[in-house]
Protein backbone atom coordinates (compact mmCIF):
# COMPACT_ATOMS: atom_id res chain seq x y z
CA ALA A 1 0.00 -0.14 -0.05
CA PRO A 2 1.18 3.57 -0.42
CA ALA A 3 3.17 4.97 2.49
CA PHE A 4 2.07 8.22 4.40
CA ILE A 5 3.97 11.48 4.25
CA PRO A 6 4.05 12.38 8.14
CA VAL A 7 2.44 15.72 7.89
CA PRO A 8 1.07 17.41 9.90
CA ASP A 9 3.54 16.40 12.41
CA THR A 10 1.20 17.19 15.20
CA SER A 11 -1.11 14.33 14.07
CA PRO A 12 -1.41 11.55 16.56
CA ALA A 13 -1.18 9.07 13.63
CA PHE A 14 2.49 10.06 13.29
CA ALA A 15 3.27 10.41 16.87
CA PHE A 16 5.70 7.34 16.94
CA THR A 17 7.39 8.52 13.71
CA TRP A 18 8.42 11.95 15.14
CA GLY A 19 9.18 10.44 18.35
CA CYS A 20 11.51 7.93 16.62
CA ILE A 21 13.12 10.63 14.40
CA ASN A 22 13.75 12.82 17.49
CA ARG A 23 15.42 9.91 19.40
CA TYR A 24 17.89 9.52 16.39
CA THR A 25 18.50 13.29 15.80
CA SER A 26 19.32 14.07 19.31
CA GLN A 27 22.48 12.14 18.68
CA ALA A 28 23.78 14.79 16.52
CA THR A 29 27.50 14.03 16.94
CA PRO A 30 28.65 12.35 13.77
CA GLU A 31 29.89 8.73 14.12
CA GLN A 32 33.01 9.54 12.10
CA PRO A 33 35.19 12.75 12.01
CA PRO A 34 33.87 14.45 8.99
CA LEU A 35 35.83 16.74 6.52
CA GLN A 36 33.79 19.58 7.97
CA SER A 37 32.69 20.68 11.65
CA PRO A 38 30.17 18.70 13.52
CA GLN A 39 26.50 19.57 12.29
CA SER A 40 25.76 23.30 12.42
CA ALA A 41 22.23 22.99 11.14
CA PRO A 42 19.31 23.01 13.51
CA VAL A 43 18.45 19.55 14.81
CA LEU A 44 15.53 17.99 12.76
CA THR A 45 12.91 17.47 15.11
CA SER A 46 9.79 18.19 13.20
CA ASN A 47 8.75 19.39 9.67
CA ALA A 48 8.98 23.06 10.78
CA THR A 49 12.67 22.47 11.96
CA SER A 50 13.48 20.57 8.62
CA LEU A 51 15.54 22.74 6.23
CA TYR A 52 13.75 20.70 3.58
CA PRO A 53 9.96 20.29 4.62
CA PHE A 54 7.81 17.80 2.86
CA VAL A 55 6.26 19.23 -0.27
CA ASN A 56 4.02 16.35 -1.35
CA THR A 57 1.32 15.50 1.31
CA GLY A 58 -0.91 12.55 1.77
CA ARG A 59 0.35 9.21 0.51
CA VAL A 60 3.09 8.07 -1.86
CA ASP A 61 3.60 4.94 -3.81
CA VAL A 62 6.95 3.41 -2.56
CA SER A 63 6.38 -0.13 -3.97
CA GLY A 64 9.34 -2.15 -5.28
CA GLY A 65 12.86 -1.92 -4.39
CA HIS A 66 14.64 -4.67 -2.11
CA TRP A 67 14.25 -4.90 1.57
CA ASP A 68 17.24 -3.18 2.96
CA ALA A 69 18.32 -5.98 5.49
CA GLY A 70 16.50 -8.37 7.78
CA ASP A 71 13.67 -5.94 8.20
CA TYR A 72 11.32 -4.75 5.55
CA SER A 73 12.50 -1.11 5.67
CA LYS A 74 14.11 0.59 2.69
CA TYR A 75 16.84 2.93 3.23
CA THR A 76 17.52 5.34 0.34
CA GLU A 77 21.15 5.43 1.11
CA ASN A 78 21.47 1.84 0.84
CA SER A 79 19.23 1.59 -2.18
CA ALA A 80 21.62 3.98 -3.90
CA GLN A 81 24.60 1.83 -3.12
CA LEU A 82 22.87 -1.25 -4.25
CA VAL A 83 22.19 0.34 -7.63
CA HIS A 84 25.83 1.27 -7.79
CA GLU A 85 27.20 -2.20 -7.31
CA LEU A 86 24.77 -3.84 -9.61
CA ILE A 87 25.23 -1.30 -12.49
CA PHE A 88 29.12 -1.10 -12.09
CA ALA A 89 29.04 -4.90 -12.46
CA VAL A 90 26.81 -4.96 -15.58
CA ASP A 91 28.78 -2.21 -17.10
CA ASN A 92 32.26 -3.22 -16.36
CA VAL A 93 32.70 -6.90 -15.30
CA PRO A 94 33.21 -8.93 -18.24
CA GLY A 95 30.25 -11.38 -18.82
CA VAL A 96 27.82 -10.05 -16.41
CA ALA A 97 25.74 -8.40 -19.26
CA ALA A 98 25.44 -11.86 -20.53
CA LEU A 99 23.98 -13.39 -17.40
CA ASP A 100 20.52 -14.11 -17.89
CA ASN A 101 20.25 -17.40 -16.16
CA LEU A 102 20.20 -16.36 -12.41
CA GLY A 103 16.92 -17.92 -11.65
CA ILE A 104 14.94 -14.63 -11.13
CA PRO A 105 11.48 -14.45 -12.66
CA GLU A 106 12.88 -12.41 -15.66
CA SER A 107 15.66 -14.96 -16.41
CA GLY A 108 15.68 -16.14 -20.05
CA ASP A 109 14.03 -13.13 -21.55
CA GLY A 110 17.20 -11.86 -23.28
CA ILE A 111 17.96 -8.99 -20.71
CA PRO A 112 20.87 -9.11 -18.18
CA ASP A 113 19.34 -10.16 -14.91
CA ALA A 114 21.69 -8.02 -12.76
CA LEU A 115 20.34 -5.15 -14.85
CA GLN A 116 16.74 -5.95 -14.17
CA GLU A 117 17.64 -6.24 -10.38
CA ALA A 118 19.24 -2.84 -10.61
CA LYS A 119 16.12 -1.31 -12.57
CA TRP A 120 13.76 -2.72 -9.79
CA GLU A 121 15.71 -0.56 -7.22
CA ALA A 122 16.15 2.29 -9.44
CA ASP A 123 12.44 2.44 -10.20
CA PHE A 124 11.88 2.60 -6.31
CA LEU A 125 14.32 5.37 -5.96
CA VAL A 126 12.44 7.49 -8.39
CA LYS A 127 9.21 7.18 -6.32
CA MET A 128 11.16 8.41 -3.23
CA GLN A 129 11.71 11.85 -4.82
CA ASP A 130 9.65 14.85 -3.45
CA ALA A 131 8.47 17.57 -5.84
CA ASP A 132 11.71 19.92 -4.99
CA GLY A 133 13.92 17.16 -6.21
CA GLY A 134 15.18 15.93 -2.80
CA PHE A 135 14.66 12.32 -1.67
CA TYR A 136 12.91 10.95 1.43
CA PHE A 137 15.37 9.19 3.91
CA LEU A 138 13.81 5.92 4.38
CA VAL A 139 10.44 3.76 4.20
CA TYR A 140 9.51 2.63 7.82
CA PRO A 141 6.70 1.04 9.63
CA ILE A 142 4.45 3.85 10.84
CA ASN A 143 4.21 2.68 14.49
CA SER A 144 7.37 0.75 15.32
CA GLU A 145 10.87 0.43 14.09
CA TYR A 146 10.54 -3.24 13.06
CA GLU A 147 7.84 -5.12 11.93
CA ASN A 148 6.02 -7.93 14.08
CA SER A 149 4.16 -9.51 11.16
CA LEU A 150 4.78 -10.89 7.42
CA PRO A 151 4.85 -8.26 4.77
CA GLN A 152 1.73 -9.64 3.11
CA ASP A 153 -0.18 -8.66 6.21
CA GLY A 154 0.09 -5.11 5.07
CA GLU A 155 1.60 -3.14 8.00
CA ALA A 156 1.17 0.37 7.36
CA GLN A 157 4.44 2.50 6.50
CA VAL A 158 5.72 6.00 6.46
CA VAL A 159 8.44 8.00 4.66
CA TRP A 160 10.84 10.03 6.73
CA PRO A 161 12.02 13.57 5.96
CA LYS A 162 14.69 14.40 3.37
CA ASN A 163 18.19 15.44 4.04
CA THR A 164 21.26 16.20 1.50
CA SER A 165 23.19 13.00 2.13
CA VAL A 166 20.47 10.58 0.85
CA SER A 167 19.38 13.04 -1.85
CA ALA A 168 22.86 13.21 -3.09
CA ALA A 169 23.24 9.24 -3.12
CA ALA A 170 20.06 8.89 -4.92
CA THR A 171 21.02 11.56 -7.49
CA ALA A 172 24.32 9.58 -8.01
CA ALA A 173 22.75 6.28 -8.35
CA LEU A 174 19.91 7.50 -10.71
CA ALA A 175 22.57 9.28 -12.91
CA GLU A 176 24.56 5.78 -12.94
CA ALA A 177 21.49 3.96 -14.07
CA GLY A 178 20.26 6.63 -16.54
CA SER A 179 23.83 6.71 -18.28
CA SER A 180 24.48 2.83 -18.25
CA PRO A 181 24.96 1.68 -21.91
CA ALA A 182 22.99 -1.49 -20.86
CA MET A 183 20.15 0.55 -19.47
CA LYS A 184 19.90 2.71 -22.44
CA LYS A 185 19.84 -0.28 -24.76
CA TYR A 186 17.24 -2.28 -23.10
CA TYR A 187 15.16 0.43 -21.29
CA PRO A 188 15.75 3.75 -23.09
CA ALA A 189 12.64 5.51 -21.90
CA GLN A 190 13.37 4.54 -18.21
CA ALA A 191 17.17 5.51 -18.58
CA ALA A 192 16.07 8.95 -19.64
CA ALA A 193 13.72 9.21 -16.69
CA TYR A 194 16.47 8.14 -14.35
CA LEU A 195 18.82 10.88 -15.69
CA ALA A 196 16.03 13.45 -15.45
CA ALA A 197 15.51 12.62 -11.86
CA ALA A 198 19.18 12.82 -11.16
CA GLN A 199 19.52 16.22 -12.59
CA ARG A 200 16.60 17.37 -10.41
CA GLY A 201 18.37 15.97 -7.50
CA TRP A 202 21.39 17.85 -8.51
CA THR A 203 19.23 20.99 -8.51
CA PHE A 204 18.08 20.24 -5.05
CA MET A 205 21.64 19.84 -3.83
CA THR A 206 22.92 22.98 -5.31
CA ASN A 207 20.03 25.02 -3.88
CA ALA A 208 20.71 23.52 -0.53
CA THR A 209 24.28 24.72 -0.70
CA ALA A 210 23.35 27.98 -2.10
CA LYS A 211 20.94 28.75 0.75
CA TYR A 212 22.66 27.05 3.80
CA GLY A 213 26.36 26.66 2.87
CA ALA A 214 28.29 24.25 5.32
CA SER A 215 24.97 24.25 7.45
CA ARG A 216 23.08 22.31 4.61
CA TYR A 217 23.21 18.86 6.31
CA GLN A 218 20.87 17.53 8.95
CA LYS A 219 21.37 14.11 10.42
CA LEU A 220 18.62 11.65 10.82
CA THR A 221 20.24 8.47 11.77
CA PHE A 222 23.80 6.99 11.50
CA TYR A 223 23.07 5.87 7.86
CA SER A 224 24.95 8.09 5.53
CA ASP A 225 26.04 10.16 8.44
CA ASP A 226 29.93 9.10 7.88
CA TRP A 227 31.57 12.31 6.80
CA GLN A 228 27.99 13.91 6.67
CA ASP A 229 27.04 14.50 3.02
CA ASN A 230 30.47 15.28 1.88
CA ASP A 231 31.08 11.91 0.33
CA GLU A 232 27.66 11.69 -1.31
CA TYR A 233 28.15 15.24 -2.98
CA ALA A 234 31.45 13.93 -4.46
CA TRP A 235 29.76 10.93 -5.76
CA ALA A 236 26.98 12.66 -7.32
CA ALA A 237 29.40 14.96 -8.99
CA ALA A 238 31.40 12.10 -10.29
CA ALA A 239 28.16 10.14 -11.55
CA LEU A 240 26.86 13.03 -13.23
CA PHE A 241 30.12 14.07 -14.90
CA ALA A 242 30.39 10.36 -16.24
CA ALA A 243 26.90 10.54 -17.43
CA THR A 244 26.96 13.81 -19.37
CA GLY A 245 30.54 14.89 -19.86
CA ASN A 246 29.37 18.35 -18.57
CA ALA A 247 32.44 20.27 -17.16
CA GLN A 248 30.36 21.77 -14.30
CA TYR A 249 30.06 18.39 -12.52
CA GLN A 250 33.96 17.77 -12.93
CA THR A 251 34.56 21.11 -11.50
CA ALA A 252 32.53 20.28 -8.47
CA LEU A 253 34.05 16.97 -7.97
CA LEU A 254 37.56 18.52 -8.02
CA GLN A 255 36.33 21.00 -5.57
CA TRP A 256 34.64 18.49 -3.08
CA PHE A 257 37.13 15.77 -3.51
CA PRO A 258 40.47 17.09 -4.64
CA ASN A 259 42.62 14.30 -3.70
CA PRO A 260 41.18 10.62 -3.92
CA ALA A 261 44.18 9.47 -1.94
CA ASP A 262 43.36 11.75 1.19
CA PRO A 263 43.64 9.69 4.41
CA ASN A 264 40.89 11.84 5.82
CA THR A 265 38.41 9.90 3.51
CA PHE A 266 39.65 6.64 4.70
CA ARG A 267 37.64 4.97 7.53
CA TRP A 268 39.41 4.93 10.81
CA GLY A 269 42.53 6.21 8.98
CA TRP A 270 43.31 2.80 7.10
CA TRP A 271 40.22 1.48 5.25
CA SER A 272 40.32 3.14 1.76
CA MET A 273 37.45 3.15 -0.85
CA VAL A 274 34.60 3.28 1.45
CA GLU A 275 31.12 4.69 1.34
CA CYS A 276 30.70 7.06 -1.51
CA TRP A 277 34.16 8.07 -1.74
CA GLY A 278 34.66 4.71 -3.20
CA ASN A 279 31.87 5.04 -5.41
CA ALA A 280 32.96 8.37 -6.67
CA ILE A 281 36.49 6.91 -7.36
CA ARG A 282 34.95 3.88 -9.26
CA ASP A 283 32.67 6.13 -11.35
CA TYR A 284 35.46 8.34 -12.51
CA ALA A 285 37.83 5.61 -13.04
CA PHE A 286 35.60 3.60 -15.31
CA ALA A 287 34.00 6.33 -17.07
CA ALA A 288 35.84 5.68 -20.33
CA GLN A 289 35.83 1.99 -19.75
CA SER A 290 32.21 1.77 -19.25
CA GLY A 291 31.56 3.53 -22.48
CA ARG A 292 30.17 6.69 -20.88
CA LEU A 293 32.90 9.18 -21.91
CA PRO A 294 35.74 9.29 -24.15
CA ALA A 295 39.27 8.92 -22.41
CA SER A 296 40.15 12.39 -23.65
CA ALA A 297 37.42 13.82 -21.49
CA LEU A 298 38.94 12.77 -18.26
CA ASN A 299 41.69 14.66 -16.25
CA ALA A 300 44.76 12.43 -16.58
CA SER A 301 46.46 13.17 -13.29
CA TYR A 302 42.96 12.56 -11.34
CA LEU A 303 42.23 9.37 -13.10
CA ALA A 304 45.55 7.96 -12.43
CA THR A 305 45.04 8.55 -8.66
CA CYS A 306 41.66 6.90 -8.78
CA GLN A 307 43.14 3.80 -10.31
CA ALA A 308 45.98 3.83 -7.99
CA GLN A 309 43.65 3.93 -5.09
CA ILE A 310 41.58 0.99 -6.71
CA VAL A 311 44.68 -1.03 -7.01
CA ALA A 312 45.86 -0.23 -3.23
CA ALA A 313 42.34 -1.35 -2.18
CA GLY A 314 42.75 -4.62 -4.15
CA ASP A 315 46.30 -5.00 -2.78
CA ASN A 316 44.85 -4.64 0.74
CA VAL A 317 42.62 -7.56 0.07
CA VAL A 318 45.40 -9.84 -0.97
CA THR A 319 47.46 -8.91 2.08
CA TRP A 320 44.74 -9.47 4.58
CA SER A 321 43.97 -12.77 2.81
CA GLY A 322 47.32 -13.77 3.11
CA MET A 323 47.36 -13.08 6.90
CA SER A 324 44.61 -15.87 7.46
CA ALA A 325 45.22 -19.45 7.43
CA TYR A 326 41.71 -19.55 5.79
CA GLY A 327 42.24 -17.07 3.33
CA THR A 328 39.66 -14.75 4.30
CA PRO A 329 40.49 -11.10 4.00
CA PHE A 330 39.72 -10.12 7.71
CA PRO A 331 41.37 -6.81 8.17
CA GLN A 332 44.78 -7.04 10.43
CA GLU A 333 43.61 -3.68 11.83
CA THR A 334 40.38 -5.17 13.09
CA LYS A 335 41.92 -8.14 14.71
CA ALA A 336 44.33 -5.81 16.46
CA VAL A 337 41.35 -4.47 18.43
CA LEU A 338 39.71 -7.84 18.88
CA GLY A 339 36.79 -6.60 16.82
CA GLY A 340 34.33 -8.42 14.60
CA GLY A 341 30.71 -8.31 13.36
CA TRP A 342 29.03 -7.41 10.12
CA TYR A 343 32.02 -9.19 8.29
CA PHE A 344 31.21 -10.78 4.90
CA SER A 345 34.25 -12.32 3.07
CA LEU A 346 33.06 -11.59 -0.51
CA ASP A 347 32.07 -8.10 0.41
CA GLN A 348 35.41 -7.49 1.92
CA ALA A 349 37.16 -9.07 -1.20
CA SER A 350 35.12 -7.25 -3.74
CA ASP A 351 37.65 -4.45 -3.96
CA ALA A 352 39.87 -7.18 -5.51
CA ALA A 353 37.44 -7.70 -8.07
CA VAL A 354 37.55 -4.01 -9.05
CA ALA A 355 41.39 -3.94 -8.88
CA TYR A 356 41.41 -6.91 -11.21
CA LEU A 357 39.64 -4.79 -13.89
CA VAL A 358 42.42 -2.20 -13.81
CA ASN A 359 45.35 -4.57 -13.19
CA PRO A 360 44.57 -8.20 -13.77
CA LYS A 361 47.02 -9.80 -11.47
CA PRO A 362 46.38 -13.43 -10.56
CA ALA A 363 46.74 -12.67 -6.85
CA TYR A 364 43.38 -10.92 -7.02
CA ILE A 365 41.59 -13.95 -8.35
CA SER A 366 43.19 -16.18 -5.60
CA ALA A 367 42.12 -13.94 -2.99
CA LEU A 368 38.56 -13.81 -4.38
CA VAL A 369 38.51 -17.55 -4.57
CA SER A 370 39.71 -17.85 -0.95
CA ALA A 371 37.05 -15.57 0.17
CA MET A 372 34.29 -17.33 -1.67
CA ASN A 373 35.60 -20.78 -0.25
CA TYR A 374 35.54 -19.19 3.32
CA GLU A 375 31.95 -18.11 2.81
CA GLY A 376 31.05 -21.35 1.33
CA GLY A 377 32.10 -23.49 4.08
CA THR A 378 35.91 -23.61 4.26
CA ASN A 379 36.23 -22.49 7.62
CA PRO A 380 36.76 -23.71 11.19
CA VAL A 381 33.27 -24.10 12.20
CA ASN A 382 32.19 -25.97 8.75
CA VAL A 383 29.28 -23.59 8.19
CA THR A 384 28.14 -22.31 5.01
CA TYR A 385 27.56 -18.55 5.49
CA ILE A 386 24.65 -18.36 3.00
CA THR A 387 21.23 -19.68 3.90
CA GLY A 388 19.87 -22.46 1.90
CA LEU A 389 23.45 -23.96 1.20
CA GLY A 390 25.34 -26.79 3.13
CA LEU A 391 24.62 -29.49 5.39
CA LYS A 392 24.72 -27.36 8.72
CA ARG A 393 22.18 -24.68 8.28
CA GLN A 394 21.68 -21.95 10.61
CA GLN A 395 18.01 -21.54 11.74
CA ASN A 396 17.98 -18.30 13.80
CA ILE A 397 18.98 -15.32 11.83
CA VAL A 398 18.24 -11.55 11.94
CA SER A 399 15.20 -11.62 9.58
CA GLN A 400 11.74 -10.35 10.41
CA PHE A 401 10.43 -12.56 7.84
CA ALA A 402 12.01 -15.62 9.28
CA VAL A 403 11.15 -14.57 12.74
CA ASN A 404 7.48 -14.14 11.80
CA SER A 405 7.21 -17.06 9.38
CA VAL A 406 5.84 -20.52 10.43
CA ARG A 407 8.88 -22.03 8.95
CA THR A 408 11.92 -23.00 11.02
CA LEU A 409 14.41 -22.35 8.19
CA PRO A 410 15.04 -18.89 7.05
CA PRO A 411 14.63 -17.91 3.30
CA SER A 412 17.46 -19.10 1.07
CA GLY A 413 20.09 -17.00 -0.22
CA ILE A 414 20.92 -14.71 2.72
CA PRO A 415 24.65 -13.99 3.81
CA LEU A 416 25.60 -14.34 7.18
CA GLY A 417 28.21 -12.50 9.14
CA GLN A 418 31.32 -14.67 9.31
CA VAL A 419 33.38 -13.27 12.24
CA THR A 420 31.77 -12.80 15.67
CA ALA A 421 33.24 -10.74 18.46
CA GLY A 422 30.59 -11.59 20.96
CA TYR A 423 27.14 -12.90 21.28
CA GLU A 424 24.18 -10.79 21.68
CA TRP A 425 22.08 -10.39 24.73
CA ILE A 426 19.07 -12.56 24.17
CA PRO A 427 15.79 -11.83 26.16
CA GLU A 428 14.98 -15.62 27.00
CA TYR A 429 18.71 -16.44 27.98
CA GLY A 430 20.30 -13.17 28.80
CA ALA A 431 24.24 -13.47 28.49
CA GLN A 432 24.26 -17.13 29.05
CA LEU A 433 25.55 -18.01 25.71
CA ASP A 434 28.48 -15.40 25.83
CA ASN A 435 29.33 -16.64 29.34
CA ALA A 436 29.32 -20.33 28.11
CA SER A 437 32.28 -19.87 25.89
CA TYR A 438 35.70 -21.16 27.30
CA PRO A 439 38.13 -19.51 26.98
CA THR A 440 36.34 -16.20 27.35
CA ASP A 441 34.97 -14.20 24.31
CA SER A 442 36.19 -10.89 25.90
CA GLY A 443 39.47 -9.55 27.39
CA GLY A 444 42.77 -8.85 26.18
CA THR A 445 44.47 -12.33 26.45
CA ASN A 446 43.61 -16.07 26.05
CA ILE A 447 40.40 -15.26 24.42
CA TYR A 448 38.39 -17.94 22.28
CA PRO A 449 39.48 -17.81 18.57
CA LEU A 450 37.53 -15.32 16.59
CA TYR A 451 37.32 -17.57 13.45
CA ASP A 452 35.98 -20.37 15.63
CA ARG A 453 33.04 -18.88 17.12
CA TRP A 454 29.70 -19.75 15.74
CA ALA A 455 26.17 -20.04 17.43
CA ASP A 456 22.87 -20.65 16.05
CA ALA A 457 21.40 -17.86 17.50
CA TYR A 458 19.87 -14.36 16.76
CA ASN A 459 22.66 -12.00 16.60
CA VAL A 460 22.51 -8.65 15.08
CA THR A 461 26.11 -8.51 14.34
CA GLN A 462 25.50 -11.19 11.68
CA GLU A 463 22.97 -9.08 9.84
CA PHE A 464 23.51 -8.33 6.17
CA ILE A 465 22.12 -5.47 4.13
CA THR A 466 21.72 -5.80 0.45
CA VAL A 467 24.91 -3.76 -0.18
CA ASN A 468 26.87 -6.56 1.29
CA GLN A 469 24.92 -9.03 -0.88
CA ALA A 470 25.46 -6.85 -4.06
CA ARG A 471 29.09 -6.52 -3.42
CA GLY A 472 29.53 -10.12 -2.93
CA PHE A 473 27.57 -10.90 -6.10
CA MET A 474 29.89 -8.49 -7.99
CA ALA A 475 32.91 -10.38 -6.66
CA VAL A 476 31.44 -13.92 -7.60
CA ALA A 477 30.22 -12.59 -11.00
CA LEU A 478 33.88 -11.84 -11.96
CA LEU A 479 34.90 -15.38 -11.02
CA ALA A 480 31.73 -16.68 -13.01
CA SER A 481 32.72 -14.69 -16.01
CA LYS A 482 35.65 -17.00 -16.20
CA SER A 483 33.60 -20.18 -16.47
CA PRO A 484 31.25 -21.18 -19.34
CA SER A 485 27.73 -19.92 -18.75
CA SER A 486 24.73 -22.37 -18.43
CA VAL A 487 21.45 -21.96 -20.06
CA ALA A 488 18.94 -19.89 -18.51
CA TRP A 489 17.09 -21.30 -15.66
CA ILE A 490 13.35 -20.97 -14.94
CA ALA A 491 12.35 -23.30 -11.96
CA PRO A 492 9.82 -25.79 -13.46
CA ALA A 493 6.83 -26.73 -12.03
CA ALA A 494 7.22 -29.15 -9.14
CA SER A 495 4.70 -31.23 -6.98
CA ILE A 496 4.81 -33.32 -3.64
CA THR A 497 3.08 -36.56 -3.72
CA VAL A 498 0.72 -37.04 -0.77
CA PRO A 499 -1.58 -39.91 0.19
CA ALA A 500 -5.23 -39.24 -0.62
CA GLY A 501 -7.84 -38.60 2.03
CA THR A 502 -7.57 -36.97 5.53
CA ALA A 503 -4.43 -37.13 7.24
CA VAL A 504 -4.44 -38.92 10.64
CA VAL A 505 -2.81 -37.38 13.79
CA GLY A 506 0.14 -39.68 14.72
CA ALA A 507 0.32 -41.56 11.56
CA PRO A 508 3.45 -41.51 9.47
CA TYR A 509 3.37 -40.65 5.85
CA THR A 510 6.32 -40.91 3.34
CA LEU A 511 6.11 -37.92 0.76
CA THR A 512 8.08 -37.62 -2.58
CA LEU A 513 9.09 -34.73 -4.64
CA GLN A 514 8.53 -34.54 -8.49
CA VAL A 515 10.02 -31.84 -10.80
CA ASN A 516 8.80 -31.69 -14.27
CA GLY A 517 11.25 -32.61 -16.88
CA VAL A 518 14.11 -32.54 -14.63
CA ASP A 519 16.05 -35.59 -13.13
CA LEU A 520 16.43 -35.27 -9.32
CA THR A 521 19.49 -37.55 -9.20
CA GLY A 522 22.24 -35.69 -7.46
CA ALA A 523 19.93 -33.14 -6.18
CA ARG A 524 19.83 -32.16 -2.25
CA ILE A 525 16.39 -31.79 -1.15
CA VAL A 526 15.66 -30.05 2.12
CA TRP A 527 11.89 -30.65 3.47
CA GLU A 528 9.90 -28.72 6.17
CA GLY A 529 6.38 -29.26 7.45
CA HIS A 530 3.78 -28.38 10.12
CA GLY A 531 5.13 -29.46 13.39
CA GLN A 532 8.18 -31.13 11.93
CA SER A 533 11.90 -30.71 12.10
CA PRO A 534 13.51 -29.70 8.66
CA ALA A 535 15.36 -32.75 7.06
CA PHE A 536 17.20 -33.57 4.12
CA GLY A 537 16.27 -36.55 1.81
CA GLN A 538 15.00 -37.93 -1.54
CA SER A 539 11.63 -38.38 0.55
CA TYR A 540 10.15 -37.07 3.76
CA LEU A 541 8.38 -38.95 6.62
CA PHE A 542 5.69 -36.59 7.84
CA THR A 543 3.90 -37.35 11.02
CA PRO A 544 0.94 -34.84 11.86
CA VAL A 545 1.16 -33.73 15.52
CA SER A 546 -2.08 -31.95 15.83
CA ALA A 547 -5.62 -31.75 14.20
CA GLY A 548 -6.19 -29.02 11.40
CA THR A 549 -4.70 -28.02 8.04
CA GLN A 550 -1.05 -29.67 7.39
CA TRP A 551 1.58 -27.92 5.18
CA VAL A 552 4.80 -29.33 3.68
CA GLU A 553 7.41 -27.62 1.58
CA ALA A 554 10.21 -28.94 -0.52
CA GLU A 555 13.43 -27.17 -1.98
CA ALA A 556 15.58 -29.01 -4.41
CA GLU A 557 19.07 -27.78 -5.11
CA TRP A 558 21.42 -29.16 -7.80
CA PRO A 559 25.24 -28.94 -7.60
CA ASP A 560 25.28 -26.22 -10.19
CA GLY A 561 22.84 -24.02 -8.33
CA ARG A 562 19.70 -24.70 -9.81
CA ARG A 563 16.63 -24.90 -7.59
CA ALA A 564 12.89 -25.82 -7.51
CA PHE A 565 10.15 -25.51 -5.14
CA ALA A 566 7.08 -27.15 -4.20
């Protein structure tokens, strides 16, 4: 259903929304030292104190897009980053534009699947643009932060106010989508609409600067708050320059981001190519390679610096991979502080994939393969850190859908955090899980090894966002491009054979799976049913445990990745 625009802000219907906004905006100190002084704009507490009050009123269609993470919210900043990663992969990674076999509903239609995933997100981003060109911050439940139901139950949603950081990010992403040669080939009308929306976003950005100067930025949450809006502004300038060749955008880029090697743009002083600084560098470095601009249009010195940063980030991945007995590029700097959490091997390794496109060193491929193997199960806990894969499957993950579903197993295809510094306090058990570890999980000496920690427990530090998934996809796509592509796969009709008549409580029934036109030999089948534990097998022994409607589901997975469901 359309989401509400929360005005008037005095309406009781929006009391939770504005109360939640106030809780976040009261924490106005930036998470990271920005390139400018801490926020000098007034704290955003109401529509009246917003520098960019809502123009549209009533309700707005925000359908489409991907859930941001384990919840059903959609954060504009992350939506923009998702578009960037997917468009970059289609435009620059060899072979991705030929991948029409990923098993999505559009597979086999002759259009790159990754492009269609990016379009799905870009179409949503356009809907998040207000009449003044700015973009709403996110889509959220109207009376809670996280949902307590399944999405089809129709929990009401609301959009949050605009700010300059997410508006600049959306502007950049839509400029990339609108200028993508693949998007222009397959969706010319939509590409033109994306670029027009990006240019309206740029007008919003420049108007904000002209009116408020360095006081243009208002924080909402920690999302997009690193370096305030400076990195997003640089990214938007780079993306629009690559999209149009207009010199005004390059002038703005050189003003806002004069040195791509500036350590002040590294997270914690050592992690380069992060957030939108990295996006800006990639957009400029690949402007010619992607077919957007002629090489002669680029500043040779600036281009060389961007390329050097890309290679340096890839070299960091190789170094970190070599520092692990398991080949996962977990940063040495994080180990030094006994840190861990929100770490995904392929996400971290994706900088090596980009570096390979600049300088095809075999070491980059080795690091990518090691990261893929670690995420795929070559680790000391023998767990595949992607749901729906492997023999030892995690059941408790941070996913509103999984929590609220009748199923025990979570949805397939979700990456899970792979290095855990500690376990979360759980209402049912408190800190028992953390305290059960021996040696201890905390402290300075003799701690339990970080790589060896795993628990089938709800742990927010394992939660992914779609950006992690997209970066991992881009890394794997480079490896896939070096293997022969299989034919397009559209899951065929499948059915479960059940005995006729009414099931009897306590009576065992053997169920089998059939997939039309496909041999199940070699397929791994996982079963789940009402009141039953999940199980692997070519057949399933189902014993009703209570009266009422019974249900059973099966998912077949072939070694090459094909799947079917019934």
